[in-house]
Structures are given as C-alpha cells and as structure tokens.
Amino acid sequence: MINNGIINEMKNCPNSILNKHIHMAQQSKNKLISIYCRNAHLIKLHVENFHLNSDNDYGKFSVIDGDPNVKTTIDKIRPLLKKKENITVFINGLEIFDEEDYDKLLKFIRNIKEDKSIKFIFPFNDTSVKKGLVDIFLSDDFFNIYIPIEQNTHSIGYDETCDDEQQLKNILSSEEDIEHLKKYHTSLYLAVSYIYKNLSNDITLEEVAKSAYVSPSHLSYLFRTKLNTKFKKVLFILRLNKAREIITHNPRVTLTNVAIQVGFYDLSHFGKIYRKYEGSNIGDFRDSIRKQN
C-alpha cells in the first residue's frame, strides 16, 4: 500500500509531516539528516520545538550557527561531543559554505566515534541548490527530508477506493499531475519529469538519477518509499500513457509507429507490456478510438 507515500502526505499539514520524518530520521541508522525548505528560520524553530518536547527521548538539542571559516564551525561542535548524553546538533546558516567547506565538515563528522547516539541536521534551501550542492544533501549518507512549501494541501486525484496501481497511474496521468510532485520532493519531480520528456529514448536509471541530482540507489529509494514502486514501472506507465495519447489524437497511426515514439523498439514487447498493465490489447484500444471517431 502507498500508506506512507506521497499521496497520504498530501492529506496532512506540513508540521505533521515534518514531525513524522524527524522521528523516522532519529530512528534511522543515518548520522546525517538534511531538511529542505525555503524558510530555514521556521524549520529551525519547529525542529527545536520537536526535540524539546518532553514526549521524545532524543536527548540534548543544540543549535550551531555556521561561520564563514569552517574550522570555527567545527570548533563549536567539539565541546558538545564531550557530553555523555545523546545529542542532536542543528547546524544553522550554512548557505555561505561551498563544496570544499562541506567536505571538511562532513569528514570531521564521519570520523566521530560511534560511542553514543548523535545526529547532525543540515537545513538547506534554494541558495544551496543553485550552488550545485544538492547532490551532497540528497546522498545516501543523509536521511533526506523535504518539506512542502505551501500550507494548503493539493490533490492529484487521490481516491481511497483505488488500488495502489491505479493511484500511481493517477499521479502519472498528465504533465500537470506530474508537476504537482514538485511541491513534495524536488528530486522525485525532476526524475519523473525527465522520463516524461524523454520517452522515445532508451532511458536508464543512472541518467534519470543524474538529472535529479541524486545517486541511482537514492532515486530507487525515493520511488520505493514515496510511491511504493520501481523505476521500470514508472517508465512503463508513462510510456503507455503517451501511447494512448498518440492514438487518441491519430487513431490511424500504426502500432509500430506508436511503439517507436514511446521508446519500444519491439512491437511484441510493447503489446506484452500494455496487456500486463492495462489487461487488454493496444490494438483493441485503437479500434475503440476509431469507432468513437
């Protein structure tokens, strides 16, 4: 079921989403946590409030303000490591850092001995993205959290009576629906958008991941945890959607032509995939469109 995926997240307010993800991040094995949101100040206040809540047992919470000199930032962290209790460190205001600074800071954090529970939270925003640092925060080292920008929810055709596959088809049914993914996870949107725009090509997971600024393994993780699916299934559903669109606009088109336009170079394979996902023949669909016209 897509219970913890992107559809149910759309039905909750951002604060509840953030609380859920912070809890999951604390339970994970990741020492590093990255949080994307445009308003870093509000995120700091909310994360701090979450950790100071007496209902959780995540230990001491500390905020470290970044300094233009990365060595100074590291020196601010050192005293915290001497404490015997569990600790979460929120490193604030690092938009000024470049890739070399982050490399030094992350090297220091990775070398910390695992003798107690310690987490480091890195907030990042559009400034960091424009500087080309998004691949750092979305790497497998980090438990990545993406916070919806707007307070209002946004529907993309969620229907509790639908099964998971139909819900997935609803999400991928049009370019407009795909656009909605942008509000919930940048890399997921970039990946699906890239596939949609390159359907006639021989698309690989590696090149899609590159277009989304994440590693292939992390993109697979996003497909699995957000949409409860795999890369190939997203690719096939988008190709079949496009095939039906082509036939609807021109029911006289040959199936071979349609297959080539959507990235299938074997007509029998095209037909087999269509039957698997639609439970009918692509030829029957074309015939029905011809009758309607």
C-alpha atoms as a PDB file:
ATOM      1  CA  MET A   1       0.000   0.000   0.000  1.00  0.00           C
ATOM      2  CA  ILE A   2       1.078   3.609  -0.551  1.00  0.00           C
ATOM      3  CA  ASN A   3       0.357   4.332   3.123  1.00  0.00           C
ATOM      4  CA  ASN A   4       3.469   6.354   3.891  1.00  0.00           C
ATOM      5  CA  GLY A   5       3.977   7.669   0.400  1.00  0.00           C
ATOM      6  CA  ILE A   6       3.399  10.938  -1.287  1.00  0.00           C
ATOM      7  CA  ILE A   7      -0.379  10.636  -1.574  1.00  0.00           C
ATOM      8  CA  ASN A   8      -1.035  10.426   2.152  1.00  0.00           C
ATOM      9  CA  GLU A   9       1.475  13.209   2.786  1.00  0.00           C
ATOM     10  CA  MET A  10      -0.733  15.473   0.700  1.00  0.00           C
ATOM     11  CA  LYS A  11      -3.547  14.905   3.176  1.00  0.00           C
ATOM     12  CA  ASN A  12      -1.535  16.146   6.178  1.00  0.00           C
ATOM     13  CA  CYS A  13      -0.303  19.558   7.219  1.00  0.00           C
ATOM     14  CA  PRO A  14       3.448  20.288   6.825  1.00  0.00           C
ATOM     15  CA  ASN A  15       4.062  20.265  10.599  1.00  0.00           C
ATOM     16  CA  SER A  16       2.726  16.749  10.999  1.00  0.00           C
ATOM     17  CA  ILE A  17       4.765  15.629   8.001  1.00  0.00           C
ATOM     18  CA  LEU A  18       7.908  17.153   9.461  1.00  0.00           C
ATOM     19  CA  ASN A  19       7.304  15.553  12.860  1.00  0.00           C
ATOM     20  CA  LYS A  20       6.849  12.153  11.245  1.00  0.00           C
ATOM     21  CA  HIS A  21      10.029  12.453   9.191  1.00  0.00           C
ATOM     22  CA  ILE A  22      12.141  13.751  12.068  1.00  0.00           C
ATOM     23  CA  HIS A  23      11.030  10.769  14.131  1.00  0.00           C
ATOM     24  CA  MET A  24      11.930   8.393  11.267  1.00  0.00           C
ATOM     25  CA  ALA A  25      15.279  10.135  10.841  1.00  0.00           C
ATOM     26  CA  GLN A  26      16.056   9.727  14.538  1.00  0.00           C
ATOM     27  CA  GLN A  27      15.166   6.036  14.324  1.00  0.00           C
ATOM     28  CA  SER A  28      17.339   5.503  11.242  1.00  0.00           C
ATOM     29  CA  LYS A  29      20.990   4.497  11.184  1.00  0.00           C
ATOM     30  CA  ASN A  30      21.927   7.754   9.437  1.00  0.00           C
ATOM     31  CA  LYS A  31      24.061  10.117  11.473  1.00  0.00           C
ATOM     32  CA  LEU A  32      23.349  12.904   8.988  1.00  0.00           C
ATOM     33  CA  ILE A  33      19.922  14.431   8.320  1.00  0.00           C
ATOM     34  CA  SER A  34      19.167  17.012   5.633  1.00  0.00           C
ATOM     35  CA  ILE A  35      15.995  19.119   5.544  1.00  0.00           C
ATOM     36  CA  TYR A  36      14.931  21.184   2.549  1.00  0.00           C
ATOM     37  CA  CYS A  37      12.529  24.098   2.931  1.00  0.00           C
ATOM     38  CA  ARG A  38      12.527  27.678   1.673  1.00  0.00           C
ATOM     39  CA  ASN A  39      12.088  29.165   5.163  1.00  0.00           C
ATOM     40  CA  ALA A  40      15.066  27.882   7.135  1.00  0.00           C
ATOM     41  CA  HIS A  41      14.205  30.027  10.190  1.00  0.00           C
ATOM     42  CA  LEU A  42      10.783  28.429  10.628  1.00  0.00           C
ATOM     43  CA  ILE A  43      12.279  24.984  10.146  1.00  0.00           C
ATOM     44  CA  LYS A  44      14.808  25.646  12.918  1.00  0.00           C
ATOM     45  CA  LEU A  45      12.054  26.732  15.300  1.00  0.00           C
ATOM     46  CA  HIS A  46       9.913  23.723  14.512  1.00  0.00           C
ATOM     47  CA  VAL A  47      12.750  21.181  14.732  1.00  0.00           C
ATOM     48  CA  GLU A  48      13.889  22.704  18.023  1.00  0.00           C
ATOM     49  CA  ASN A  49      10.353  22.580  19.410  1.00  0.00           C
ATOM     50  CA  PHE A  50      10.030  18.948  18.364  1.00  0.00           C
ATOM     51  CA  HIS A  51      13.217  17.922  20.144  1.00  0.00           C
ATOM     52  CA  LEU A  52      12.462  19.903  23.288  1.00  0.00           C
ATOM     53  CA  ASN A  53       9.081  18.228  23.576  1.00  0.00           C
ATOM     54  CA  SER A  54       9.070  16.039  26.685  1.00  0.00           C
ATOM     55  CA  ASP A  55       7.338  13.247  24.756  1.00  0.00           C
ATOM     56  CA  ASN A  56      10.501  12.209  22.914  1.00  0.00           C
ATOM     57  CA  ASP A  57      13.763  10.787  24.238  1.00  0.00           C
ATOM     58  CA  TYR A  58      16.239  12.020  21.653  1.00  0.00           C
ATOM     59  CA  GLY A  59      18.476  13.681  24.233  1.00  0.00           C
ATOM     60  CA  LYS A  60      20.006  17.153  24.196  1.00  0.00           C
ATOM     61  CA  PHE A  61      19.288  19.511  21.283  1.00  0.00           C
ATOM     62  CA  SER A  62      21.854  22.147  20.285  1.00  0.00           C
ATOM     63  CA  VAL A  63      21.915  24.783  17.579  1.00  0.00           C
ATOM     64  CA  ILE A  64      25.262  25.651  15.992  1.00  0.00           C
ATOM     65  CA  ASP A  65      25.466  28.765  13.824  1.00  0.00           C
ATOM     66  CA  GLY A  66      27.775  28.322  10.875  1.00  0.00           C
ATOM     67  CA  ASP A  67      30.805  30.523  10.479  1.00  0.00           C
ATOM     68  CA  PRO A  68      32.467  31.578   7.196  1.00  0.00           C
ATOM     69  CA  ASN A  69      35.506  29.704   8.462  1.00  0.00           C
ATOM     70  CA  VAL A  70      34.541  26.035   8.515  1.00  0.00           C
ATOM     71  CA  LYS A  71      37.210  25.351  11.149  1.00  0.00           C
ATOM     72  CA  THR A  72      35.376  27.693  13.526  1.00  0.00           C
ATOM     73  CA  THR A  73      32.149  25.774  12.945  1.00  0.00           C
ATOM     74  CA  ILE A  74      33.924  22.504  13.734  1.00  0.00           C
ATOM     75  CA  ASP A  75      35.420  24.032  16.897  1.00  0.00           C
ATOM     76  CA  LYS A  76      31.879  24.931  18.041  1.00  0.00           C
ATOM     77  CA  ILE A  77      30.873  21.278  17.706  1.00  0.00           C
ATOM     78  CA  ARG A  78      33.815  19.772  19.598  1.00  0.00           C
ATOM     79  CA  PRO A  79      32.646  20.699  23.156  1.00  0.00           C
ATOM     80  CA  LEU A  80      29.285  19.046  22.506  1.00  0.00           C
ATOM     81  CA  LEU A  81      30.981  15.743  21.798  1.00  0.00           C
ATOM     82  CA  LYS A  82      32.381  15.593  25.336  1.00  0.00           C
ATOM     83  CA  LYS A  83      28.888  15.245  26.807  1.00  0.00           C
ATOM     84  CA  LYS A  84      27.852  11.706  27.698  1.00  0.00           C
ATOM     85  CA  GLU A  85      24.182  12.082  26.748  1.00  0.00           C
ATOM     86  CA  ASN A  86      22.547  11.586  23.371  1.00  0.00           C
ATOM     87  CA  ILE A  87      22.578  14.722  21.283  1.00  0.00           C
ATOM     88  CA  THR A  88      21.125  16.234  18.113  1.00  0.00           C
ATOM     89  CA  VAL A  89      23.051  19.120  16.538  1.00  0.00           C
ATOM     90  CA  PHE A  90      21.206  21.530  14.242  1.00  0.00           C
ATOM     91  CA  ILE A  91      23.801  23.310  12.064  1.00  0.00           C
ATOM     92  CA  ASN A  92      22.231  26.592  11.012  1.00  0.00           C
ATOM     93  CA  GLY A  93      23.019  29.236   8.388  1.00  0.00           C
ATOM     94  CA  LEU A  94      25.441  27.340   6.151  1.00  0.00           C
ATOM     95  CA  GLU A  95      24.309  28.911   2.858  1.00  0.00           C
ATOM     96  CA  ILE A  96      27.699  30.611   2.715  1.00  0.00           C
ATOM     97  CA  PHE A  97      29.531  27.274   2.536  1.00  0.00           C
ATOM     98  CA  ASP A  98      30.885  25.878  -0.713  1.00  0.00           C
ATOM     99  CA  GLU A  99      31.507  22.237  -1.567  1.00  0.00           C
ATOM    100  CA  GLU A 100      35.014  22.231  -0.104  1.00  0.00           C
ATOM    101  CA  ASP A 101      33.719  23.558   3.230  1.00  0.00           C
ATOM    102  CA  TYR A 102      31.051  20.874   3.387  1.00  0.00           C
ATOM    103  CA  ASP A 103      33.621  18.201   2.546  1.00  0.00           C
ATOM    104  CA  LYS A 104      35.731  19.288   5.530  1.00  0.00           C
ATOM    105  CA  LEU A 105      32.748  19.418   7.871  1.00  0.00           C
ATOM    106  CA  LEU A 106      31.392  16.036   6.766  1.00  0.00           C
ATOM    107  CA  LYS A 107      34.832  14.445   7.050  1.00  0.00           C
ATOM    108  CA  PHE A 108      35.008  15.643  10.657  1.00  0.00           C
ATOM    109  CA  ILE A 109      31.528  14.285  11.440  1.00  0.00           C
ATOM    110  CA  ARG A 110      32.201  10.912   9.822  1.00  0.00           C
ATOM    111  CA  ASN A 111      35.312  10.489  11.985  1.00  0.00           C
ATOM    112  CA  ILE A 112      33.354  10.894  15.232  1.00  0.00           C
ATOM    113  CA  LYS A 113      33.444   7.642  17.182  1.00  0.00           C
ATOM    114  CA  GLU A 114      30.125   5.821  17.369  1.00  0.00           C
ATOM    115  CA  ASP A 115      30.124   5.535  21.164  1.00  0.00           C
ATOM    116  CA  LYS A 116      26.820   7.359  21.630  1.00  0.00           C
ATOM    117  CA  SER A 117      23.767   8.420  19.664  1.00  0.00           C
ATOM    118  CA  ILE A 118      24.464  11.649  17.814  1.00  0.00           C
ATOM    119  CA  LYS A 119      22.651  13.215  14.863  1.00  0.00           C
ATOM    120  CA  PHE A 120      23.533  16.242  12.737  1.00  0.00           C
ATOM    121  CA  ILE A 121      20.758  18.161  10.987  1.00  0.00           C
ATOM    122  CA  PHE A 122      21.658  20.218   7.904  1.00  0.00           C
ATOM    123  CA  PRO A 123      18.906  22.568   6.645  1.00  0.00           C
ATOM    124  CA  PHE A 124      19.319  23.650   3.034  1.00  0.00           C
ATOM    125  CA  ASN A 125      17.371  25.856   0.659  1.00  0.00           C
ATOM    126  CA  ASP A 126      17.338  27.185  -2.899  1.00  0.00           C
ATOM    127  CA  THR A 127      20.635  29.017  -2.371  1.00  0.00           C
ATOM    128  CA  SER A 128      22.394  25.715  -1.749  1.00  0.00           C
ATOM    129  CA  VAL A 129      20.599  24.116  -4.702  1.00  0.00           C
ATOM    130  CA  LYS A 130      21.694  26.921  -7.058  1.00  0.00           C
ATOM    131  CA  LYS A 131      25.277  26.455  -5.875  1.00  0.00           C
ATOM    132  CA  GLY A 132      25.119  22.848  -7.074  1.00  0.00           C
ATOM    133  CA  LEU A 133      25.267  21.320  -3.594  1.00  0.00           C
ATOM    134  CA  VAL A 134      22.019  19.387  -3.719  1.00  0.00           C
ATOM    135  CA  ASP A 135      23.809  16.116  -4.517  1.00  0.00           C
ATOM    136  CA  ILE A 136      25.544  16.381  -1.129  1.00  0.00           C
ATOM    137  CA  PHE A 137      22.311  16.699   0.850  1.00  0.00           C
ATOM    138  CA  LEU A 138      20.498  14.022  -1.129  1.00  0.00           C
ATOM    139  CA  SER A 139      23.309  11.477  -0.995  1.00  0.00           C
ATOM    140  CA  ASP A 140      22.871   8.113   0.709  1.00  0.00           C
ATOM    141  CA  ASP A 141      24.778   9.434   3.743  1.00  0.00           C
ATOM    142  CA  PHE A 142      21.840  11.659   4.622  1.00  0.00           C
ATOM    143  CA  PHE A 143      18.326  10.869   5.739  1.00  0.00           C
ATOM    144  CA  ASN A 144      16.652  13.416   3.477  1.00  0.00           C
ATOM    145  CA  ILE A 145      13.515  15.326   4.465  1.00  0.00           C
ATOM    146  CA  TYR A 146      11.650  17.534   2.007  1.00  0.00           C
ATOM    147  CA  ILE A 147       9.002  19.886   3.435  1.00  0.00           C
ATOM    148  CA  PRO A 148       6.044  21.047   1.325  1.00  0.00           C
ATOM    149  CA  ILE A 149       6.342  24.780   0.709  1.00  0.00           C
ATOM    150  CA  GLU A 150       2.675  25.703   0.969  1.00  0.00           C
ATOM    151  CA  GLN A 151       0.366  25.164   3.938  1.00  0.00           C
ATOM    152  CA  ASN A 152      -2.585  24.095   1.776  1.00  0.00           C
ATOM    153  CA  THR A 153      -2.939  20.536   0.602  1.00  0.00           C
ATOM    154  CA  HIS A 154      -3.040  19.662  -3.058  1.00  0.00           C
ATOM    155  CA  SER A 155      -4.971  16.854  -4.588  1.00  0.00           C
ATOM    156  CA  ILE A 156      -3.736  14.870  -7.539  1.00  0.00           C
ATOM    157  CA  GLY A 157      -6.685  12.569  -7.824  1.00  0.00           C
ATOM    158  CA  TYR A 158      -6.339  10.587  -4.588  1.00  0.00           C
ATOM    159  CA  ASP A 159      -9.140   8.083  -4.248  1.00  0.00           C
ATOM    160  CA  GLU A 160      -9.286   5.718  -1.278  1.00  0.00           C
ATOM    161  CA  THR A 161     -11.320   3.254  -3.362  1.00  0.00           C
ATOM    162  CA  CYS A 162      -8.453   2.819  -5.855  1.00  0.00           C
ATOM    163  CA  ASP A 163      -5.744   0.229  -5.518  1.00  0.00           C
ATOM    164  CA  ASP A 164      -2.076   1.276  -5.444  1.00  0.00           C
ATOM    165  CA  GLU A 165      -1.509   0.767  -9.160  1.00  0.00           C
ATOM    166  CA  GLN A 166      -4.485   2.934 -10.121  1.00  0.00           C
ATOM    167  CA  GLN A 167      -3.367   5.644  -7.691  1.00  0.00           C
ATOM    168  CA  LEU A 168       0.087   5.558  -9.272  1.00  0.00           C
ATOM    169  CA  LYS A 169      -1.487   5.887 -12.720  1.00  0.00           C
ATOM    170  CA  ASN A 170      -3.440   8.904 -11.458  1.00  0.00           C
ATOM    171  CA  ILE A 171      -0.233  10.561 -10.267  1.00  0.00           C
ATOM    172  CA  LEU A 172       1.432   9.994 -13.652  1.00  0.00           C
ATOM    173  CA  SER A 173      -1.604  10.606 -15.858  1.00  0.00           C
ATOM    174  CA  SER A 174      -0.583  14.013 -17.254  1.00  0.00           C
ATOM    175  CA  GLU A 175       2.168  16.608 -17.255  1.00  0.00           C
ATOM    176  CA  GLU A 176       0.007  18.750 -14.965  1.00  0.00           C
ATOM    177  CA  ASP A 177      -0.288  15.945 -12.408  1.00  0.00           C
ATOM    178  CA  ILE A 178       3.448  15.294 -12.565  1.00  0.00           C
ATOM    179  CA  GLU A 179       4.007  18.997 -11.892  1.00  0.00           C
ATOM    180  CA  HIS A 180       2.325  18.534  -8.504  1.00  0.00           C
ATOM    181  CA  LEU A 181       5.214  16.325  -7.377  1.00  0.00           C
ATOM    182  CA  LYS A 182       7.406  19.435  -7.299  1.00  0.00           C
ATOM    183  CA  LYS A 183       5.794  20.526  -4.035  1.00  0.00           C
ATOM    184  CA  TYR A 184       6.599  17.288  -2.241  1.00  0.00           C
ATOM    185  CA  HIS A 185      10.038  16.182  -3.358  1.00  0.00           C
ATOM    186  CA  THR A 186      12.290  18.021  -5.793  1.00  0.00           C
ATOM    187  CA  SER A 187      14.304  15.012  -6.915  1.00  0.00           C
ATOM    188  CA  LEU A 188      11.233  12.836  -7.412  1.00  0.00           C
ATOM    189  CA  TYR A 189       9.669  15.532  -9.588  1.00  0.00           C
ATOM    190  CA  LEU A 190      12.871  16.054 -11.594  1.00  0.00           C
ATOM    191  CA  ALA A 191      13.197  12.312 -12.203  1.00  0.00           C
ATOM    192  CA  VAL A 192       9.605  11.744 -13.338  1.00  0.00           C
ATOM    193  CA  SER A 193       9.665  14.924 -15.422  1.00  0.00           C
ATOM    194  CA  TYR A 194      12.862  13.800 -17.167  1.00  0.00           C
ATOM    195  CA  ILE A 195      11.339  10.426 -18.011  1.00  0.00           C
ATOM    196  CA  TYR A 196       8.170  12.089 -19.321  1.00  0.00           C
ATOM    197  CA  LYS A 197      10.166  14.376 -21.627  1.00  0.00           C
ATOM    198  CA  ASN A 198      12.438  11.631 -22.964  1.00  0.00           C
ATOM    199  CA  LEU A 199      10.077   8.714 -23.512  1.00  0.00           C
ATOM    200  CA  SER A 200      11.282   7.967 -27.040  1.00  0.00           C
ATOM    201  CA  ASN A 201      14.867   7.463 -25.809  1.00  0.00           C
ATOM    202  CA  ASP A 202      16.499   4.420 -24.254  1.00  0.00           C
ATOM    203  CA  ILE A 203      16.266   5.711 -20.661  1.00  0.00           C
ATOM    204  CA  THR A 204      18.389   4.279 -17.839  1.00  0.00           C
ATOM    205  CA  LEU A 205      18.067   4.674 -14.084  1.00  0.00           C
ATOM    206  CA  GLU A 206      21.558   6.167 -13.994  1.00  0.00           C
ATOM    207  CA  GLU A 207      20.811   9.037 -16.362  1.00  0.00           C
ATOM    208  CA  VAL A 208      17.463   9.758 -14.700  1.00  0.00           C
ATOM    209  CA  ALA A 209      19.207   9.918 -11.304  1.00  0.00           C
ATOM    210  CA  LYS A 210      21.780  12.298 -12.742  1.00  0.00           C
ATOM    211  CA  SER A 211      19.002  14.596 -13.990  1.00  0.00           C
ATOM    212  CA  ALA A 212      17.508  14.579 -10.465  1.00  0.00           C
ATOM    213  CA  TYR A 213      20.878  15.254  -8.747  1.00  0.00           C
ATOM    214  CA  VAL A 214      20.809  12.037  -6.717  1.00  0.00           C
ATOM    215  CA  SER A 215      22.508   8.672  -6.839  1.00  0.00           C
ATOM    216  CA  PRO A 216      20.723   5.770  -8.599  1.00  0.00           C
ATOM    217  CA  SER A 217      20.303   3.962  -5.281  1.00  0.00           C
ATOM    218  CA  HIS A 218      18.747   7.030  -3.648  1.00  0.00           C
ATOM    219  CA  LEU A 219      16.363   7.511  -6.569  1.00  0.00           C
ATOM    220  CA  SER A 220      15.287   3.875  -6.248  1.00  0.00           C
ATOM    221  CA  TYR A 221      14.743   4.550  -2.549  1.00  0.00           C
ATOM    222  CA  LEU A 222      12.531   7.557  -3.367  1.00  0.00           C
ATOM    223  CA  PHE A 223      10.426   5.561  -5.823  1.00  0.00           C
ATOM    224  CA  ARG A 224      10.038   2.779  -3.269  1.00  0.00           C
ATOM    225  CA  THR A 225       9.262   4.907  -0.180  1.00  0.00           C
ATOM    226  CA  LYS A 226       7.251   7.718  -1.794  1.00  0.00           C
ATOM    227  CA  LEU A 227       5.334   5.855  -4.494  1.00  0.00           C
ATOM    228  CA  ASN A 228       5.742   2.215  -3.455  1.00  0.00           C
ATOM    229  CA  THR A 229       7.028   1.310  -6.904  1.00  0.00           C
ATOM    230  CA  LYS A 230      10.136   0.843  -9.027  1.00  0.00           C
ATOM    231  CA  PHE A 231      11.779   2.862 -11.784  1.00  0.00           C
ATOM    232  CA  LYS A 232      10.739   0.440 -14.540  1.00  0.00           C
ATOM    233  CA  LYS A 233       7.084   0.588 -13.556  1.00  0.00           C
ATOM    234  CA  VAL A 234       7.069   4.402 -13.656  1.00  0.00           C
ATOM    235  CA  LEU A 235       8.786   4.279 -17.045  1.00  0.00           C
ATOM    236  CA  PHE A 236       6.284   1.797 -18.498  1.00  0.00           C
ATOM    237  CA  ILE A 237       3.212   3.603 -17.166  1.00  0.00           C
ATOM    238  CA  LEU A 238       4.405   6.911 -18.622  1.00  0.00           C
ATOM    239  CA  ARG A 239       5.141   5.246 -21.976  1.00  0.00           C
ATOM    240  CA  LEU A 240       1.716   3.622 -22.118  1.00  0.00           C
ATOM    241  CA  ASN A 241       0.030   6.908 -21.180  1.00  0.00           C
ATOM    242  CA  LYS A 242       1.839   8.594 -24.057  1.00  0.00           C
ATOM    243  CA  ALA A 243       0.910   5.755 -26.426  1.00  0.00           C
ATOM    244  CA  ARG A 244      -2.786   6.194 -25.671  1.00  0.00           C
ATOM    245  CA  GLU A 245      -2.448   9.943 -26.131  1.00  0.00           C
ATOM    246  CA  ILE A 246      -0.880   9.471 -29.583  1.00  0.00           C
ATOM    247  CA  ILE A 247      -3.592   7.035 -30.671  1.00  0.00           C
ATOM    248  CA  THR A 248      -6.370   9.272 -29.346  1.00  0.00           C
ATOM    249  CA  HIS A 249      -5.110  12.155 -31.457  1.00  0.00           C
ATOM    250  CA  ASN A 250      -4.479   9.964 -34.522  1.00  0.00           C
ATOM    251  CA  PRO A 251      -6.302   6.601 -34.462  1.00  0.00           C
ATOM    252  CA  ARG A 252      -4.980   5.793 -37.952  1.00  0.00           C
ATOM    253  CA  VAL A 253      -1.375   5.660 -36.756  1.00  0.00           C
ATOM    254  CA  THR A 254       0.335   2.276 -36.985  1.00  0.00           C
ATOM    255  CA  LEU A 255       1.159   0.477 -33.735  1.00  0.00           C
ATOM    256  CA  THR A 256       4.779   0.165 -34.858  1.00  0.00           C
ATOM    257  CA  ASN A 257       4.960   3.950 -35.180  1.00  0.00           C
ATOM    258  CA  VAL A 258       3.421   4.375 -31.727  1.00  0.00           C
ATOM    259  CA  ALA A 259       5.826   1.881 -30.175  1.00  0.00           C
ATOM    260  CA  ILE A 260       8.857   3.706 -31.578  1.00  0.00           C
ATOM    261  CA  GLN A 261       7.573   7.108 -30.416  1.00  0.00           C
ATOM    262  CA  VAL A 262       7.297   5.898 -26.828  1.00  0.00           C
ATOM    263  CA  GLY A 263      10.597   4.035 -26.659  1.00  0.00           C
ATOM    264  CA  PHE A 264       9.653   0.452 -27.548  1.00  0.00           C
ATOM    265  CA  TYR A 265      11.687  -0.953 -30.427  1.00  0.00           C
ATOM    266  CA  ASP A 266       9.956  -4.333 -30.373  1.00  0.00           C
ATOM    267  CA  LEU A 267       6.239  -4.337 -31.210  1.00  0.00           C
ATOM    268  CA  SER A 268       5.632  -7.643 -29.411  1.00  0.00           C
ATOM    269  CA  HIS A 269       7.261  -6.287 -26.246  1.00  0.00           C
ATOM    270  CA  PHE A 270       5.114  -3.156 -26.496  1.00  0.00           C
ATOM    271  CA  GLY A 271       1.985  -5.296 -26.760  1.00  0.00           C
ATOM    272  CA  LYS A 272       3.037  -7.521 -23.878  1.00  0.00           C
ATOM    273  CA  ILE A 273       3.696  -4.570 -21.537  1.00  0.00           C
ATOM    274  CA  TYR A 274       0.381  -2.966 -22.490  1.00  0.00           C
ATOM    275  CA  ARG A 275      -1.537  -6.160 -21.694  1.00  0.00           C
ATOM    276  CA  LYS A 276       0.301  -6.515 -18.380  1.00  0.00           C
ATOM    277  CA  TYR A 277      -0.599  -3.044 -17.140  1.00  0.00           C
ATOM    278  CA  GLU A 278      -3.954  -2.487 -18.854  1.00  0.00           C
ATOM    279  CA  GLY A 279      -5.366  -6.010 -19.051  1.00  0.00           C
ATOM    280  CA  SER A 280      -6.310  -5.559 -22.713  1.00  0.00           C
ATOM    281  CA  ASN A 281      -4.711  -5.266 -26.159  1.00  0.00           C
ATOM    282  CA  ILE A 282      -3.360  -1.983 -27.512  1.00  0.00           C
ATOM    283  CA  GLY A 283      -4.990  -2.862 -30.851  1.00  0.00           C
ATOM    284  CA  ASP A 284      -8.393  -3.072 -29.164  1.00  0.00           C
ATOM    285  CA  PHE A 285      -7.854   0.382 -27.661  1.00  0.00           C
ATOM    286  CA  ARG A 286      -7.037   1.812 -31.092  1.00  0.00           C
ATOM    287  CA  ASP A 287     -10.135   0.150 -32.576  1.00  0.00           C
ATOM    288  CA  SER A 288     -12.341   1.676 -29.882  1.00  0.00           C
ATOM    289  CA  ILE A 289     -10.953   5.143 -30.617  1.00  0.00           C
ATOM    290  CA  ARG A 290     -11.578   4.661 -34.330  1.00  0.00           C
ATOM    291  CA  LYS A 291     -15.209   3.728 -33.652  1.00  0.00           C
ATOM    292  CA  GLN A 292     -15.675   6.817 -31.477  1.00  0.00           C
ATOM    293  CA  ASN A 293     -14.426   8.979 -34.334  1.00  0.00           C
END
